[in-house]
Amino acid sequence: MTDTHDTNLPEKPVELEEEKTAAEVSEQPAATETPAEEPTPEKPVETTQRLSKEEILARLKAIATDVENTTKTEIDGLKQAFYKLHSAEVEAARKQFVENGGNPEDFVPQSDALEEDFKQIMSVIKEKRGAANAELEKQKEMNLQIKLSIIEELKELVESPDDANKSYTEFKKLQQQWNDVKLVPQAKVNELWKNYQLYVEKFYDLLKLNNEFREYDFKKNLEIKTRLCEAAEKLADEPDVVSAFHQLQKLHQEFRDTGPVAKELREEIWARFKAASTNVNRRHQQHFEALKEAEQHNLDQKTVICEIIEAIDYNELTSFTAWENKTQEIIALQNKWKTIGFAPQKMNVKIFERFRKACDSFFQKKAEFFKSMKEGMNENLEKKRALCEKAEALKDSTDWKVTADELTKLQKEWKTIGPVAKKHSDAVWKRFIGACDYFFEQKNKATSSQRSVEQENLAAKKAIIEKLEAIGEDTDTDEATQMVRDLMKEWNNVGHVPFKEKDKIYKQYHAAVDRLFDRFHISASNKKLSNFKSALSNIPEGSQQALYREREKLVRTFDNMKAELQTYENNLGFLNASSKKGNSLLTELNRKVEKLKGDIELVKQKIKVIDEKIKNEG
């Protein structure tokens, strides 16, 4: 079998109407019709995609022993399938290299022994195919000379019509020889065929066959062409449209190699064969149009995947979790890519290069981020080790209050330090918390007497909560308000409670106060100020540094609020109260100004409370 790329036939089917025209050149029966042309070779069908690289090599080795009987389509399909598998392996190795922290530009694929075998086998196949093609071209030239000599002999028969009936046997012999000789150089096909047909028709013009012999010849030709029509019509049910198309080309060859039929049946038999051919050709064309449409759809899907990866906002990927989540998305897109078939041939490599570039860029940035985070975690580890050393230096101290404050500061500082590598995280934390726990255990043992005081304070605060809850709904509002304020003041004067009970009792207290505030509509500012005073009461005595920090924060807040108020008041002067939009905005700004003034007054009260507490403790 020869490769479809090397045949001497044109790429597309000739318009069948030409055959009819050629058949009507003479009133005498024509010897045959115009040769049909060969279709465009179909692209490799993706039937080899399920083979492994080893199976592909085994098939190619078998082909190398029988190149002449293998189509270029199959060889191209095997070649494409092999490199698809090879590219997938290289891509997987590249991905692993990048995920391990490597730079994509430094990646060098490992040598593949199977690829070397593949190249060697393909070289043998290419060499044998080249030799076969050269031999085919040589054979075509020989066939050309044979057919030229047949035409010369036909010419002699036509120009020497002494006894045409006796020449009929020689004529049929020359026709058979012509039909036996197949391929000739493509450039000579049409001219050669026209010359041959010319002399065949001239011979029939001169031929004086008796009617019985002439009718017998026409009858046999009609039987053959009718059978060919039936075979062509059956091809409409052939599920493999490509196979049907190739079978049709063989039928065309046989049809034109068959002599003419009676003139009155010529058009009818040709129209039947032409109709069957048109149906097969239409299905063939639709098949490849569907393949083209599917490939375009595949290109659209792959383009969308590229755009998704290229649109990643790397500014949002600021944590390990964010990068890992996005990595899983990329892997999902890569898996999706593998399920999509080929794009159009001219775009297939380009879209893959775009996809690989986008993936490489992502994994490169991920590697850079992880490298940066690793360096940061090493710095965090050193900072946490330094805090461990400080905690260990303090754990044996008996200056309970000062040391407790210092360790508390260290614990707060610990929380501000970022993460460390997982393999060090547990160990460094256990070291730090171990030192802290040791000190507080010793402190608890030494201050056991303080616990009884804390229990008394706990009982006192529970009693205050009971009193708050006992205030009934029928109590006068002013009286209830005064009772709440007195009990809140009493609460603030009670000392510390056991640490484990602190949050629980505090929540109960505030829940009771909030209910009363809501019931008697005590102002929100008083409520916030009362809450603030309660919060200050939790600051240990002597911790004036904490009070000063709180006061500085409130002063900054106060200044910011004053500036914001000034801005609102300036904006009020620019509004056009006569417009509908101005009225709406004016109302909103006035509301904000009033709220802001109330917030400023509350901050001033809080500063005043801190100043009084600092003064009393001083």
Foldseek 3Di string as FASTA:
>chain_A
DAAPVLFLFDACWDDLVQQVVLQVPDPFGFFFTAATGHHHDDAQDQPCLVDDLVRLLVVLVVCLVPVRPDYPSVVVNSVVNNVVVVVVVLLVVLLVCLLVLHASVPDDDDDDPSVVSVVVSVVSSVVVSVVVSVVVQVLQQVLVVVLVVLLVVLVVCLVPVPPLVVCVVVVVVSLVVNLVRDGHHNVCRPVSVVSSRVSSVSSSVSDDDDPVVVQVLQVVLVVLLVVLLVVLQCLLPVPPLVVSSVVLSVSSSVRRSRTGHPPVCRVVSSVSSSVSNVSSSVVVVVVVVVVQVLLQVLVVLLVVLLVVLVPDDCVVVQDPVSLVVVVVVLVVSVVVNVVRDAHPPVCRVVSVVSSSVSVSVSSNVVSVNVVVVQVLQVVLVVVLVVLLVVLQVLLPDPPQPVSLVVLVVSVVVNVVRDHHDPVCRVVSVCSRVVSVVSNVVVVCVVVVVVQVLLQVLVVVLVVLLVVLQPDDLPDDLVVNVVSLVVSLVVNLPRAHHPPVCRVVSVVSNLVSSVVSCVSSVPDPLVNVLSVLSSVVSNDDQPPVVVLVVVLVVLVVVLVVLVVVLVVLVVVLVVADCVDPVSVVVNVVSVVVNVVSVSVSVSSVVSSVSSVVVVVVSD
